[in-house]
C-alpha atoms as a PDB file:
ATOM      1  CA  UNK A   1       7.496  27.609 -32.619  1.00  0.00           C
ATOM      2  CA  UNK A   2       8.991  24.344 -30.889  1.00  0.00           C
ATOM      3  CA  UNK A   3       7.129  23.172 -27.651  1.00  0.00           C
ATOM      4  CA  UNK A   4       6.251  19.920 -26.171  1.00  0.00           C
ATOM      5  CA  UNK A   5       2.930  18.648 -27.020  1.00  0.00           C
ATOM      6  CA  UNK A   6       2.661  15.432 -24.644  1.00  0.00           C
ATOM      7  CA  UNK A   7       3.754  15.509 -20.867  1.00  0.00           C
ATOM      8  CA  UNK A   8       5.383  12.301 -19.371  1.00  0.00           C
ATOM      9  CA  UNK A   9       2.433  11.908 -17.068  1.00  0.00           C
ATOM     10  CA  UNK A  10       2.183   8.247 -17.868  1.00  0.00           C
ATOM     11  CA  UNK A  11       5.901   7.357 -16.636  1.00  0.00           C
ATOM     12  CA  UNK A  12       5.603   9.619 -13.960  1.00  0.00           C
ATOM     13  CA  UNK A  13       1.973   8.413 -12.556  1.00  0.00           C
ATOM     14  CA  UNK A  14       2.513   6.360  -9.414  1.00  0.00           C
ATOM     15  CA  UNK A  15      -0.393   3.857  -8.290  1.00  0.00           C
ATOM     16  CA  UNK A  16      -2.581   4.821  -5.317  1.00  0.00           C
ATOM     17  CA  UNK A  17      -1.855   3.135  -1.704  1.00  0.00           C
ATOM     18  CA  UNK A  18      -4.885   1.123  -1.230  1.00  0.00           C
ATOM     19  CA  UNK A  19      -5.504  -0.693  -4.511  1.00  0.00           C
ATOM     20  CA  UNK A  20      -2.010  -0.154  -6.081  1.00  0.00           C
ATOM     21  CA  UNK A  21      -3.514   0.499  -9.647  1.00  0.00           C
ATOM     22  CA  UNK A  22      -2.732   3.296 -12.020  1.00  0.00           C
ATOM     23  CA  UNK A  23      -6.228   3.810 -13.520  1.00  0.00           C
ATOM     24  CA  UNK A  24      -7.618   4.663  -9.813  1.00  0.00           C
ATOM     25  CA  UNK A  25      -4.563   7.361  -9.669  1.00  0.00           C
ATOM     26  CA  UNK A  26      -5.683   8.564 -12.838  1.00  0.00           C
ATOM     27  CA  UNK A  27      -9.233   8.685 -12.000  1.00  0.00           C
ATOM     28  CA  UNK A  28      -8.541  10.724  -8.650  1.00  0.00           C
ATOM     29  CA  UNK A  29      -5.863  12.957 -10.294  1.00  0.00           C
ATOM     30  CA  UNK A  30      -9.140  13.806 -12.845  1.00  0.00           C
ATOM     31  CA  UNK A  31     -11.328  14.232 -10.016  1.00  0.00           C
ATOM     32  CA  UNK A  32      -8.989  16.564  -8.021  1.00  0.00           C
ATOM     33  CA  UNK A  33      -9.675  20.479  -7.799  1.00  0.00           C
ATOM     34  CA  UNK A  34      -7.556  22.878  -7.341  1.00  0.00           C
ATOM     35  CA  UNK A  35      -4.707  20.406  -6.041  1.00  0.00           C
ATOM     36  CA  UNK A  36      -6.761  19.122  -3.002  1.00  0.00           C
ATOM     37  CA  UNK A  37      -5.767  15.588  -3.745  1.00  0.00           C
ATOM     38  CA  UNK A  38      -6.545  14.487   0.008  1.00  0.00           C
ATOM     39  CA  UNK A  39     -10.208  15.407  -0.563  1.00  0.00           C
ATOM     40  CA  UNK A  40     -10.688  13.758  -3.981  1.00  0.00           C
ATOM     41  CA  UNK A  41      -8.737  10.349  -2.599  1.00  0.00           C
ATOM     42  CA  UNK A  42     -12.029  10.922   0.493  1.00  0.00           C
ATOM     43  CA  UNK A  43     -14.563  11.219  -2.095  1.00  0.00           C
ATOM     44  CA  UNK A  44     -13.174   7.984  -4.064  1.00  0.00           C
ATOM     45  CA  UNK A  45     -12.581   5.894  -1.309  1.00  0.00           C
ATOM     46  CA  UNK A  46     -15.782   6.842   0.296  1.00  0.00           C
ATOM     47  CA  UNK A  47     -17.419   5.602  -2.802  1.00  0.00           C
ATOM     48  CA  UNK A  48     -15.599   2.390  -3.177  1.00  0.00           C
ATOM     49  CA  UNK A  49     -16.623   1.906   0.558  1.00  0.00           C
ATOM     50  CA  UNK A  50     -20.244   2.535  -0.600  1.00  0.00           C
ATOM     51  CA  UNK A  51     -20.109  -0.032  -3.490  1.00  0.00           C
ATOM     52  CA  UNK A  52     -18.313  -2.789  -1.124  1.00  0.00           C
ATOM     53  CA  UNK A  53     -21.496  -2.527   1.176  1.00  0.00           C
ATOM     54  CA  UNK A  54     -23.957  -2.677  -1.302  1.00  0.00           C
ATOM     55  CA  UNK A  55     -22.300  -5.558  -3.747  1.00  0.00           C
ATOM     56  CA  UNK A  56     -20.275  -7.779  -1.956  1.00  0.00           C
ATOM     57  CA  UNK A  57     -20.000 -10.637  -4.318  1.00  0.00           C
ATOM     58  CA  UNK A  58     -17.727  -8.630  -6.593  1.00  0.00           C
ATOM     59  CA  UNK A  59     -14.274  -6.794  -5.742  1.00  0.00           C
ATOM     60  CA  UNK A  60     -14.741  -3.050  -5.904  1.00  0.00           C
ATOM     61  CA  UNK A  61     -11.378  -2.588  -8.290  1.00  0.00           C
ATOM     62  CA  UNK A  62     -12.724  -4.988 -10.616  1.00  0.00           C
ATOM     63  CA  UNK A  63     -16.421  -3.392 -10.368  1.00  0.00           C
ATOM     64  CA  UNK A  64     -14.481   0.032 -11.038  1.00  0.00           C
ATOM     65  CA  UNK A  65     -12.488  -1.172 -13.865  1.00  0.00           C
ATOM     66  CA  UNK A  66     -15.794  -2.993 -15.355  1.00  0.00           C
ATOM     67  CA  UNK A  67     -17.712   0.789 -15.127  1.00  0.00           C
ATOM     68  CA  UNK A  68     -14.246   2.381 -16.559  1.00  0.00           C
ATOM     69  CA  UNK A  69     -14.642   0.009 -19.488  1.00  0.00           C
ATOM     70  CA  UNK A  70     -18.319   0.070 -20.273  1.00  0.00           C
ATOM     71  CA  UNK A  71     -18.081   4.206 -20.575  1.00  0.00           C
ATOM     72  CA  UNK A  72     -14.942   4.223 -22.703  1.00  0.00           C
ATOM     73  CA  UNK A  73     -15.483   4.997 -26.253  1.00  0.00           C
ATOM     74  CA  UNK A  74     -14.805   1.681 -28.729  1.00  0.00           C
ATOM     75  CA  UNK A  75     -12.495   3.874 -31.235  1.00  0.00           C
END
């Protein structure tokens, strides 16, 4: 049986509008349920706005990337 094991999602992934980051776009896609991308974007950007209000000395994108790197496995 010949089937495609991997998709071309990495090449087709476009960066998000606000931060221009593929990591944010991928996170929003994984947060999305039933194709409701607008709701997933509202949730993510709302959370980033709350982070910006609480932590003013660090840019929110840098804080998000640090958080993602802290939870990644070291393999």
